[in-house]
Amino acid sequence: MNVPNLLSLIRLMLVPVFAVAFFASGGNPWPPVLIYAAASLTDVLDGYIARKFNQTTSLGRVLDPLADKLMNGTVLVCIAAAGLVPLWAAAFFVFTEGVLGLGAMFLLRKTSDVMPANILGKIATVVFFSVCVILMIFTRLSETAAMFLITLALGLAAAAFVRYLWEFIRILRKNEIAQ
């Protein structure tokens, strides 16, 4: 197992650690925030190392997005359970990420192609991380400010979702033509 895959595996193992820290921290936001930051750092590092040192693998192409989706989904479900975001926001995110994950698995199985990351998805991820951290630290944020941040993050997530769907259809059509 190479370093990028090991980092993705570590991120995957941090998912339950985050959930336990979130609910066991007694209102102290720092343990879950630091775990989430560490997980996000592994995401940045695994991609960088894989590209820089030509260590991309089929396992990594599956493990990396799986770890991302599970971590981000867990964070959002936890902050929704704590009443920091509306449940519909968590449901929307989990739905879109689930559809993307299933679509990516379908694509990999049917074509051996992996949906490439795109800049909109990367921006949405950074904004999502930032909004989640802000909401965990500033739990007394006004409802208006919190809704603005949630709407911003979900709007970008929706735009990235549409962009990924577009790419999914393009790849399927390309492979249909090739057959």
N, C-alpha and C. Protein backbone atom coordinates (compact mmCIF):
# COMPACT_ATOMS: atom_id res chain seq x y z
N MET A 1 0.86 -1.18 0.00
CA MET A 1 0.00 0.00 0.00
C MET A 1 0.90 1.24 0.00
N ASN A 2 0.63 2.15 -0.92
CA ASN A 2 1.46 3.34 -1.01
C ASN A 2 0.98 4.43 -0.04
N VAL A 3 1.76 5.50 0.07
CA VAL A 3 1.48 6.58 1.03
C VAL A 3 0.13 7.25 0.77
N PRO A 4 -0.21 7.62 -0.48
CA PRO A 4 -1.52 8.25 -0.69
C PRO A 4 -2.69 7.36 -0.24
N ASN A 5 -2.62 6.07 -0.53
CA ASN A 5 -3.69 5.17 -0.11
C ASN A 5 -3.73 5.02 1.40
N LEU A 6 -2.57 5.01 2.03
CA LEU A 6 -2.51 4.94 3.49
C LEU A 6 -3.15 6.19 4.10
N LEU A 7 -2.89 7.35 3.51
CA LEU A 7 -3.51 8.59 4.00
C LEU A 7 -5.04 8.55 3.84
N SER A 8 -5.51 8.01 2.73
CA SER A 8 -6.96 7.86 2.54
C SER A 8 -7.54 6.90 3.57
N LEU A 9 -6.82 5.82 3.85
CA LEU A 9 -7.27 4.86 4.85
C LEU A 9 -7.31 5.49 6.24
N ILE A 10 -6.32 6.30 6.56
CA ILE A 10 -6.31 7.02 7.84
C ILE A 10 -7.53 7.93 7.92
N ARG A 11 -7.83 8.64 6.83
CA ARG A 11 -9.00 9.53 6.80
C ARG A 11 -10.28 8.73 7.04
N LEU A 12 -10.35 7.57 6.44
CA LEU A 12 -11.51 6.70 6.62
C LEU A 12 -11.64 6.27 8.09
N MET A 13 -10.50 5.97 8.72
CA MET A 13 -10.52 5.57 10.13
C MET A 13 -10.85 6.74 11.05
N LEU A 14 -10.63 7.96 10.59
CA LEU A 14 -10.96 9.13 11.41
C LEU A 14 -12.46 9.44 11.44
N VAL A 15 -13.23 8.81 10.56
CA VAL A 15 -14.68 9.07 10.52
C VAL A 15 -15.34 8.74 11.87
N PRO A 16 -15.21 7.51 12.39
CA PRO A 16 -15.84 7.25 13.70
C PRO A 16 -15.18 8.02 14.84
N VAL A 17 -13.89 8.29 14.71
CA VAL A 17 -13.19 9.07 15.74
C VAL A 17 -13.80 10.47 15.82
N PHE A 18 -14.07 11.07 14.66
CA PHE A 18 -14.71 12.38 14.63
C PHE A 18 -16.07 12.32 15.33
N ALA A 19 -16.90 11.33 14.96
CA ALA A 19 -18.25 11.24 15.52
C ALA A 19 -18.21 11.11 17.04
N VAL A 20 -17.32 10.26 17.55
CA VAL A 20 -17.20 10.10 19.00
C VAL A 20 -16.73 11.40 19.63
N ALA A 21 -15.72 12.03 19.06
CA ALA A 21 -15.20 13.29 19.61
C ALA A 21 -16.28 14.37 19.59
N PHE A 22 -17.07 14.41 18.53
CA PHE A 22 -18.11 15.44 18.41
C PHE A 22 -19.11 15.33 19.56
N PHE A 23 -19.57 14.11 19.83
CA PHE A 23 -20.61 13.94 20.85
C PHE A 23 -20.05 13.79 22.26
N ALA A 24 -18.77 13.44 22.40
CA ALA A 24 -18.19 13.23 23.72
C ALA A 24 -17.39 14.43 24.23
N SER A 25 -17.30 15.49 23.43
CA SER A 25 -16.43 16.61 23.81
C SER A 25 -17.09 17.59 24.77
N GLY A 26 -18.32 17.35 25.15
CA GLY A 26 -18.98 18.21 26.13
C GLY A 26 -19.14 19.65 25.67
N GLY A 27 -19.36 19.86 24.41
CA GLY A 27 -19.54 21.22 23.89
C GLY A 27 -18.25 21.91 23.49
N ASN A 28 -17.11 21.29 23.77
CA ASN A 28 -15.83 21.86 23.36
C ASN A 28 -15.64 21.54 21.87
N PRO A 29 -15.63 22.56 21.01
CA PRO A 29 -15.57 22.27 19.57
C PRO A 29 -14.20 21.82 19.08
N TRP A 30 -13.15 22.05 19.87
CA TRP A 30 -11.80 21.85 19.33
C TRP A 30 -11.43 20.42 19.03
N PRO A 31 -11.78 19.42 19.86
CA PRO A 31 -11.42 18.05 19.46
C PRO A 31 -12.00 17.64 18.10
N PRO A 32 -13.32 17.81 17.86
CA PRO A 32 -13.81 17.42 16.53
C PRO A 32 -13.28 18.31 15.41
N VAL A 33 -13.09 19.59 15.68
CA VAL A 33 -12.55 20.49 14.64
C VAL A 33 -11.15 20.06 14.25
N LEU A 34 -10.32 19.73 15.24
CA LEU A 34 -8.94 19.31 14.94
C LEU A 34 -8.91 17.97 14.21
N ILE A 35 -9.80 17.06 14.57
CA ILE A 35 -9.86 15.77 13.87
C ILE A 35 -10.30 16.00 12.43
N TYR A 36 -11.29 16.87 12.23
CA TYR A 36 -11.76 17.17 10.87
C TYR A 36 -10.66 17.85 10.07
N ALA A 37 -9.93 18.75 10.70
CA ALA A 37 -8.82 19.43 10.01
C ALA A 37 -7.74 18.42 9.63
N ALA A 38 -7.42 17.50 10.54
CA ALA A 38 -6.42 16.46 10.24
C ALA A 38 -6.89 15.59 9.07
N ALA A 39 -8.16 15.22 9.09
CA ALA A 39 -8.71 14.41 7.99
C ALA A 39 -8.63 15.17 6.67
N SER A 40 -8.96 16.45 6.71
CA SER A 40 -8.90 17.27 5.49
C SER A 40 -7.47 17.42 5.00
N LEU A 41 -6.53 17.51 5.92
CA LEU A 41 -5.12 17.60 5.54
C LEU A 41 -4.68 16.31 4.83
N THR A 42 -5.15 15.15 5.32
CA THR A 42 -4.79 13.90 4.64
C THR A 42 -5.36 13.89 3.22
N ASP A 43 -6.52 14.53 3.04
CA ASP A 43 -7.12 14.60 1.70
C ASP A 43 -6.24 15.42 0.76
N VAL A 44 -5.77 16.55 1.24
CA VAL A 44 -4.90 17.40 0.41
C VAL A 44 -3.59 16.67 0.11
N LEU A 45 -3.01 16.06 1.14
CA LEU A 45 -1.72 15.40 0.98
C LEU A 45 -1.79 14.17 0.08
N ASP A 46 -2.84 13.37 0.23
CA ASP A 46 -2.86 12.15 -0.59
C ASP A 46 -2.96 12.48 -2.07
N GLY A 47 -3.76 13.47 -2.41
CA GLY A 47 -3.86 13.87 -3.82
C GLY A 47 -2.57 14.45 -4.34
N TYR A 48 -1.95 15.30 -3.54
CA TYR A 48 -0.69 15.94 -3.94
C TYR A 48 0.40 14.89 -4.16
N ILE A 49 0.56 14.00 -3.18
CA ILE A 49 1.61 12.98 -3.27
C ILE A 49 1.35 12.03 -4.44
N ALA A 50 0.09 11.64 -4.61
CA ALA A 50 -0.24 10.71 -5.70
C ALA A 50 0.10 11.31 -7.06
N ARG A 51 -0.22 12.60 -7.24
CA ARG A 51 0.07 13.24 -8.54
C ARG A 51 1.56 13.56 -8.69
N LYS A 52 2.15 14.11 -7.66
CA LYS A 52 3.55 14.55 -7.72
C LYS A 52 4.50 13.38 -7.95
N PHE A 53 4.23 12.26 -7.30
CA PHE A 53 5.14 11.11 -7.38
C PHE A 53 4.57 9.96 -8.20
N ASN A 54 3.57 10.27 -9.02
CA ASN A 54 2.96 9.29 -9.91
C ASN A 54 2.58 8.01 -9.17
N GLN A 55 1.84 8.19 -8.07
CA GLN A 55 1.42 7.05 -7.25
C GLN A 55 -0.09 6.85 -7.27
N THR A 56 -0.74 7.27 -8.34
CA THR A 56 -2.18 7.04 -8.43
C THR A 56 -2.44 5.56 -8.68
N THR A 57 -3.46 5.03 -8.00
CA THR A 57 -3.81 3.62 -8.15
C THR A 57 -5.33 3.50 -8.29
N SER A 58 -5.76 2.36 -8.77
CA SER A 58 -7.20 2.09 -8.85
C SER A 58 -7.83 2.11 -7.47
N LEU A 59 -7.13 1.54 -6.50
CA LEU A 59 -7.63 1.55 -5.12
C LEU A 59 -7.78 2.99 -4.63
N GLY A 60 -6.79 3.81 -4.89
CA GLY A 60 -6.83 5.20 -4.45
C GLY A 60 -7.96 5.99 -5.09
N ARG A 61 -8.25 5.68 -6.35
CA ARG A 61 -9.33 6.37 -7.06
C ARG A 61 -10.69 6.05 -6.46
N VAL A 62 -10.78 4.95 -5.74
CA VAL A 62 -12.03 4.58 -5.06
C VAL A 62 -11.98 5.00 -3.59
N LEU A 63 -10.85 4.72 -2.94
CA LEU A 63 -10.72 4.97 -1.50
C LEU A 63 -10.77 6.45 -1.16
N ASP A 64 -10.12 7.29 -1.95
CA ASP A 64 -10.07 8.73 -1.66
C ASP A 64 -11.46 9.36 -1.66
N PRO A 65 -12.25 9.23 -2.73
CA PRO A 65 -13.57 9.85 -2.69
C PRO A 65 -14.51 9.20 -1.67
N LEU A 66 -14.33 7.89 -1.42
CA LEU A 66 -15.15 7.23 -0.41
C LEU A 66 -14.87 7.83 0.97
N ALA A 67 -13.59 7.99 1.29
CA ALA A 67 -13.22 8.59 2.58
C ALA A 67 -13.74 10.02 2.68
N ASP A 68 -13.64 10.78 1.60
CA ASP A 68 -14.15 12.16 1.60
C ASP A 68 -15.64 12.19 1.88
N LYS A 69 -16.39 11.39 1.15
CA LYS A 69 -17.84 11.40 1.28
C LYS A 69 -18.28 10.95 2.67
N LEU A 70 -17.64 9.91 3.19
CA LEU A 70 -18.01 9.43 4.52
C LEU A 70 -17.66 10.45 5.60
N MET A 71 -16.49 11.08 5.48
CA MET A 71 -16.10 12.07 6.49
C MET A 71 -17.02 13.28 6.43
N ASN A 72 -17.21 13.84 5.24
CA ASN A 72 -18.04 15.04 5.13
C ASN A 72 -19.49 14.76 5.49
N GLY A 73 -19.99 13.60 5.09
CA GLY A 73 -21.35 13.23 5.46
C GLY A 73 -21.51 13.08 6.96
N THR A 74 -20.53 12.46 7.60
CA THR A 74 -20.57 12.28 9.05
C THR A 74 -20.53 13.63 9.76
N VAL A 75 -19.67 14.52 9.30
CA VAL A 75 -19.59 15.86 9.90
C VAL A 75 -20.94 16.55 9.81
N LEU A 76 -21.54 16.53 8.64
CA LEU A 76 -22.81 17.23 8.45
C LEU A 76 -23.93 16.58 9.25
N VAL A 77 -23.99 15.27 9.30
CA VAL A 77 -25.02 14.59 10.09
C VAL A 77 -24.84 14.92 11.58
N CYS A 78 -23.60 14.96 12.05
CA CYS A 78 -23.35 15.30 13.45
C CYS A 78 -23.78 16.73 13.77
N ILE A 79 -23.42 17.68 12.91
CA ILE A 79 -23.80 19.06 13.23
C ILE A 79 -25.31 19.27 13.04
N ALA A 80 -25.94 18.47 12.18
CA ALA A 80 -27.40 18.53 12.06
C ALA A 80 -28.05 17.94 13.31
N ALA A 81 -27.50 16.83 13.81
CA ALA A 81 -28.03 16.21 15.03
C ALA A 81 -27.90 17.14 16.23
N ALA A 82 -26.87 17.98 16.20
CA ALA A 82 -26.67 18.94 17.29
C ALA A 82 -27.51 20.21 17.09
N GLY A 83 -28.27 20.26 16.00
CA GLY A 83 -29.13 21.42 15.75
C GLY A 83 -28.41 22.62 15.16
N LEU A 84 -27.20 22.41 14.64
CA LEU A 84 -26.43 23.53 14.09
C LEU A 84 -26.77 23.80 12.63
N VAL A 85 -27.34 22.83 11.94
CA VAL A 85 -27.84 23.01 10.58
C VAL A 85 -29.17 22.28 10.48
N PRO A 86 -30.03 22.73 9.59
CA PRO A 86 -31.31 22.02 9.43
C PRO A 86 -31.10 20.61 8.88
N LEU A 87 -31.96 19.71 9.28
CA LEU A 87 -31.87 18.33 8.84
C LEU A 87 -31.97 18.22 7.32
N TRP A 88 -32.77 19.08 6.68
CA TRP A 88 -32.92 19.02 5.23
C TRP A 88 -31.59 19.29 4.53
N ALA A 89 -30.75 20.15 5.14
CA ALA A 89 -29.45 20.46 4.54
C ALA A 89 -28.56 19.22 4.56
N ALA A 90 -28.58 18.52 5.69
CA ALA A 90 -27.79 17.29 5.79
C ALA A 90 -28.33 16.25 4.82
N ALA A 91 -29.66 16.13 4.73
CA ALA A 91 -30.26 15.16 3.82
C ALA A 91 -29.90 15.47 2.37
N PHE A 92 -29.93 16.75 2.00
CA PHE A 92 -29.57 17.15 0.64
C PHE A 92 -28.14 16.75 0.32
N PHE A 93 -27.23 17.06 1.24
CA PHE A 93 -25.82 16.74 1.02
C PHE A 93 -25.61 15.23 0.92
N VAL A 94 -26.19 14.49 1.86
CA VAL A 94 -26.02 13.03 1.86
C VAL A 94 -26.60 12.44 0.57
N PHE A 95 -27.74 12.97 0.12
CA PHE A 95 -28.34 12.48 -1.13
C PHE A 95 -27.42 12.74 -2.32
N THR A 96 -26.95 13.97 -2.48
CA THR A 96 -26.12 14.29 -3.65
C THR A 96 -24.81 13.51 -3.61
N GLU A 97 -24.20 13.41 -2.44
CA GLU A 97 -22.95 12.66 -2.33
C GLU A 97 -23.19 11.17 -2.59
N GLY A 98 -24.32 10.66 -2.11
CA GLY A 98 -24.65 9.26 -2.36
C GLY A 98 -24.84 8.98 -3.84
N VAL A 99 -25.56 9.87 -4.52
CA VAL A 99 -25.77 9.72 -5.96
C VAL A 99 -24.43 9.77 -6.69
N LEU A 100 -23.58 10.72 -6.31
CA LEU A 100 -22.27 10.81 -6.96
C LEU A 100 -21.43 9.56 -6.70
N GLY A 101 -21.47 9.08 -5.48
CA GLY A 101 -20.71 7.87 -5.15
C GLY A 101 -21.19 6.66 -5.93
N LEU A 102 -22.50 6.48 -6.00
CA LEU A 102 -23.06 5.36 -6.77
C LEU A 102 -22.76 5.52 -8.25
N GLY A 103 -22.88 6.75 -8.75
CA GLY A 103 -22.57 7.01 -10.16
C GLY A 103 -21.11 6.71 -10.47
N ALA A 104 -20.23 7.09 -9.56
CA ALA A 104 -18.80 6.83 -9.77
C ALA A 104 -18.51 5.33 -9.79
N MET A 105 -19.16 4.58 -8.88
CA MET A 105 -18.97 3.13 -8.87
C MET A 105 -19.51 2.49 -10.15
N PHE A 106 -20.67 2.96 -10.60
CA PHE A 106 -21.26 2.45 -11.84
C PHE A 106 -20.32 2.72 -13.01
N LEU A 107 -19.82 3.95 -13.07
CA LEU A 107 -18.93 4.34 -14.16
C LEU A 107 -17.66 3.49 -14.16
N LEU A 108 -17.09 3.29 -12.99
CA LEU A 108 -15.87 2.49 -12.87
C LEU A 108 -16.12 1.06 -13.33
N ARG A 109 -17.25 0.53 -12.94
CA ARG A 109 -17.58 -0.86 -13.31
C ARG A 109 -17.86 -1.00 -14.81
N LYS A 110 -18.57 -0.04 -15.38
CA LYS A 110 -18.97 -0.13 -16.79
C LYS A 110 -17.86 0.27 -17.76
N THR A 111 -17.03 1.23 -17.36
CA THR A 111 -16.08 1.80 -18.33
C THR A 111 -14.63 1.76 -17.88
N SER A 112 -14.37 1.44 -16.63
CA SER A 112 -13.03 1.52 -16.03
C SER A 112 -12.54 2.96 -15.93
N ASP A 113 -13.44 3.92 -16.19
CA ASP A 113 -13.10 5.34 -16.04
C ASP A 113 -13.48 5.80 -14.64
N VAL A 114 -12.73 6.77 -14.15
CA VAL A 114 -13.06 7.41 -12.88
C VAL A 114 -13.40 8.85 -13.19
N MET A 115 -14.49 9.33 -12.59
CA MET A 115 -14.84 10.73 -12.81
C MET A 115 -13.75 11.61 -12.23
N PRO A 116 -13.14 12.44 -13.05
CA PRO A 116 -12.07 13.29 -12.54
C PRO A 116 -12.63 14.41 -11.66
N ALA A 117 -11.81 14.84 -10.72
CA ALA A 117 -12.19 15.98 -9.89
C ALA A 117 -12.22 17.21 -10.78
N ASN A 118 -13.07 18.17 -10.40
CA ASN A 118 -13.08 19.42 -11.16
C ASN A 118 -12.95 20.58 -10.19
N ILE A 119 -12.61 21.73 -10.72
CA ILE A 119 -12.32 22.90 -9.88
C ILE A 119 -13.53 23.31 -9.05
N LEU A 120 -14.72 23.21 -9.61
CA LEU A 120 -15.93 23.57 -8.87
C LEU A 120 -16.11 22.64 -7.67
N GLY A 121 -15.85 21.36 -7.88
CA GLY A 121 -15.92 20.40 -6.77
C GLY A 121 -14.91 20.70 -5.69
N LYS A 122 -13.71 21.10 -6.09
CA LYS A 122 -12.67 21.44 -5.12
C LYS A 122 -13.05 22.69 -4.33
N ILE A 123 -13.58 23.70 -5.02
CA ILE A 123 -14.02 24.92 -4.34
C ILE A 123 -15.16 24.59 -3.37
N ALA A 124 -16.11 23.79 -3.82
CA ALA A 124 -17.24 23.41 -2.97
C ALA A 124 -16.75 22.68 -1.72
N THR A 125 -15.73 21.84 -1.87
CA THR A 125 -15.18 21.10 -0.73
C THR A 125 -14.53 22.05 0.28
N VAL A 126 -13.75 23.01 -0.21
CA VAL A 126 -13.10 23.98 0.69
C VAL A 126 -14.14 24.81 1.42
N VAL A 127 -15.15 25.27 0.70
CA VAL A 127 -16.22 26.07 1.32
C VAL A 127 -16.98 25.22 2.33
N PHE A 128 -17.29 23.97 1.96
CA PHE A 128 -18.00 23.07 2.87
C PHE A 128 -17.21 22.89 4.16
N PHE A 129 -15.91 22.60 4.04
CA PHE A 129 -15.06 22.44 5.22
C PHE A 129 -15.09 23.70 6.07
N SER A 130 -14.91 24.85 5.44
CA SER A 130 -14.88 26.12 6.18
C SER A 130 -16.19 26.39 6.90
N VAL A 131 -17.30 26.16 6.21
CA VAL A 131 -18.61 26.40 6.82
C VAL A 131 -18.82 25.45 8.00
N CYS A 132 -18.48 24.18 7.85
CA CYS A 132 -18.64 23.23 8.95
C CYS A 132 -17.80 23.63 10.16
N VAL A 133 -16.57 24.03 9.92
CA VAL A 133 -15.70 24.46 11.02
C VAL A 133 -16.28 25.70 11.70
N ILE A 134 -16.71 26.67 10.92
CA ILE A 134 -17.32 27.89 11.49
C ILE A 134 -18.53 27.52 12.34
N LEU A 135 -19.39 26.66 11.83
CA LEU A 135 -20.59 26.28 12.57
C LEU A 135 -20.26 25.50 13.84
N MET A 136 -19.19 24.69 13.82
CA MET A 136 -18.81 23.95 15.02
C MET A 136 -18.21 24.88 16.08
N ILE A 137 -17.44 25.86 15.64
CA ILE A 137 -16.78 26.76 16.59
C ILE A 137 -17.73 27.83 17.10
N PHE A 138 -18.47 28.44 16.19
CA PHE A 138 -19.37 29.54 16.55
C PHE A 138 -20.80 29.03 16.62
N THR A 139 -21.09 28.27 17.66
CA THR A 139 -22.41 27.63 17.78
C THR A 139 -23.52 28.64 18.04
N ARG A 140 -23.18 29.84 18.45
CA ARG A 140 -24.21 30.86 18.72
C ARG A 140 -24.34 31.86 17.58
N LEU A 141 -23.92 31.46 16.42
CA LEU A 141 -24.05 32.29 15.22
C LEU A 141 -25.53 32.58 15.00
N SER A 142 -25.83 33.78 14.53
CA SER A 142 -27.24 34.10 14.26
C SER A 142 -27.79 33.14 13.21
N GLU A 143 -29.09 32.92 13.28
CA GLU A 143 -29.72 32.00 12.33
C GLU A 143 -29.55 32.50 10.90
N THR A 144 -29.60 33.82 10.72
CA THR A 144 -29.43 34.40 9.38
C THR A 144 -28.03 34.12 8.84
N ALA A 145 -27.02 34.34 9.68
CA ALA A 145 -25.64 34.10 9.25
C ALA A 145 -25.41 32.62 8.96
N ALA A 146 -25.93 31.77 9.84
CA ALA A 146 -25.77 30.33 9.65
C ALA A 146 -26.45 29.89 8.35
N MET A 147 -27.65 30.38 8.10
CA MET A 147 -28.36 30.00 6.87
C MET A 147 -27.65 30.52 5.62
N PHE A 148 -27.06 31.71 5.72
CA PHE A 148 -26.29 32.23 4.59
C PHE A 148 -25.14 31.28 4.27
N LEU A 149 -24.39 30.88 5.31
CA LEU A 149 -23.25 29.98 5.11
C LEU A 149 -23.69 28.62 4.57
N ILE A 150 -24.77 28.09 5.13
CA ILE A 150 -25.28 26.79 4.68
C ILE A 150 -25.72 26.88 3.22
N THR A 151 -26.43 27.96 2.90
CA THR A 151 -26.91 28.15 1.52
C THR A 151 -25.74 28.27 0.55
N LEU A 152 -24.71 29.00 0.96
CA LEU A 152 -23.51 29.13 0.13
C LEU A 152 -22.88 27.76 -0.12
N ALA A 153 -22.67 27.00 0.95
CA ALA A 153 -22.04 25.68 0.82
C ALA A 153 -22.90 24.74 -0.01
N LEU A 154 -24.20 24.73 0.25
CA LEU A 154 -25.08 23.82 -0.50
C LEU A 154 -25.26 24.27 -1.94
N GLY A 155 -25.26 25.57 -2.18
CA GLY A 155 -25.34 26.07 -3.56
C GLY A 155 -24.14 25.62 -4.38
N LEU A 156 -22.95 25.75 -3.79
CA LEU A 156 -21.74 25.29 -4.48
C LEU A 156 -21.76 23.76 -4.65
N ALA A 157 -22.23 23.06 -3.62
CA ALA A 157 -22.33 21.60 -3.72
C ALA A 157 -23.30 21.20 -4.83
N ALA A 158 -24.41 21.93 -4.95
CA ALA A 158 -25.38 21.63 -6.01
C ALA A 158 -24.78 21.90 -7.39
N ALA A 159 -24.05 23.01 -7.51
CA ALA A 159 -23.41 23.33 -8.79
C ALA A 159 -22.37 22.27 -9.15
N ALA A 160 -21.59 21.84 -8.17
CA ALA A 160 -20.60 20.79 -8.41
C ALA A 160 -21.30 19.48 -8.78
N PHE A 161 -22.42 19.20 -8.13
CA PHE A 161 -23.21 18.00 -8.42
C PHE A 161 -23.64 18.00 -9.89
N VAL A 162 -24.17 19.13 -10.35
CA VAL A 162 -24.61 19.24 -11.74
C VAL A 162 -23.42 19.06 -12.68
N ARG A 163 -22.30 19.67 -12.33
CA ARG A 163 -21.09 19.55 -13.16
C ARG A 163 -20.62 18.10 -13.25
N TYR A 164 -20.65 17.39 -12.11
CA TYR A 164 -20.25 15.98 -12.11
C TYR A 164 -21.24 15.13 -12.92
N LEU A 165 -22.53 15.43 -12.81
CA LEU A 165 -23.52 14.69 -13.61
C LEU A 165 -23.27 14.90 -15.10
N TRP A 166 -22.96 16.12 -15.47
CA TRP A 166 -22.64 16.45 -16.86
C TRP A 166 -21.44 15.61 -17.33
N GLU A 167 -20.41 15.55 -16.50
CA GLU A 167 -19.21 14.77 -16.83
C GLU A 167 -19.53 13.28 -16.90
N PHE A 168 -20.35 12.81 -15.99
CA PHE A 168 -20.78 11.41 -15.96
C PHE A 168 -21.45 11.04 -17.29
N ILE A 169 -22.37 11.87 -17.73
CA ILE A 169 -23.08 11.63 -18.99
C ILE A 169 -22.12 11.68 -20.17
N ARG A 170 -21.19 12.64 -20.16
CA ARG A 170 -20.21 12.76 -21.24
C ARG A 170 -19.36 11.49 -21.34
N ILE A 171 -18.90 10.99 -20.22
CA ILE A 171 -18.06 9.78 -20.22
C ILE A 171 -18.87 8.57 -20.71
N LEU A 172 -20.09 8.46 -20.24
CA LEU A 172 -20.93 7.34 -20.69
C LEU A 172 -21.16 7.40 -22.20
N ARG A 173 -21.45 8.59 -22.71
CA ARG A 173 -21.68 8.74 -24.16
C ARG A 173 -20.42 8.42 -24.94
N LYS A 174 -19.28 8.88 -24.44
CA LYS A 174 -18.00 8.61 -25.12
C LYS A 174 -17.77 7.10 -25.21
N ASN A 175 -18.03 6.40 -24.13
CA ASN A 175 -17.83 4.96 -24.12
C ASN A 175 -18.88 4.22 -24.93
N GLU A 176 -20.07 4.77 -25.00
CA GLU A 176 -21.12 4.19 -25.84
C GLU A 176 -20.72 4.26 -27.31
N ILE A 177 -20.18 5.40 -27.70
CA ILE A 177 -19.74 5.60 -29.07
C ILE A 177 -18.56 4.69 -29.40
N ALA A 178 -17.67 4.50 -28.42
CA ALA A 178 -16.47 3.69 -28.64
C ALA A 178 -16.81 2.20 -28.80
N GLN A 179 -17.95 1.78 -28.31
CA GLN A 179 -18.28 0.35 -28.36
C GLN A 179 -18.88 -0.05 -29.64
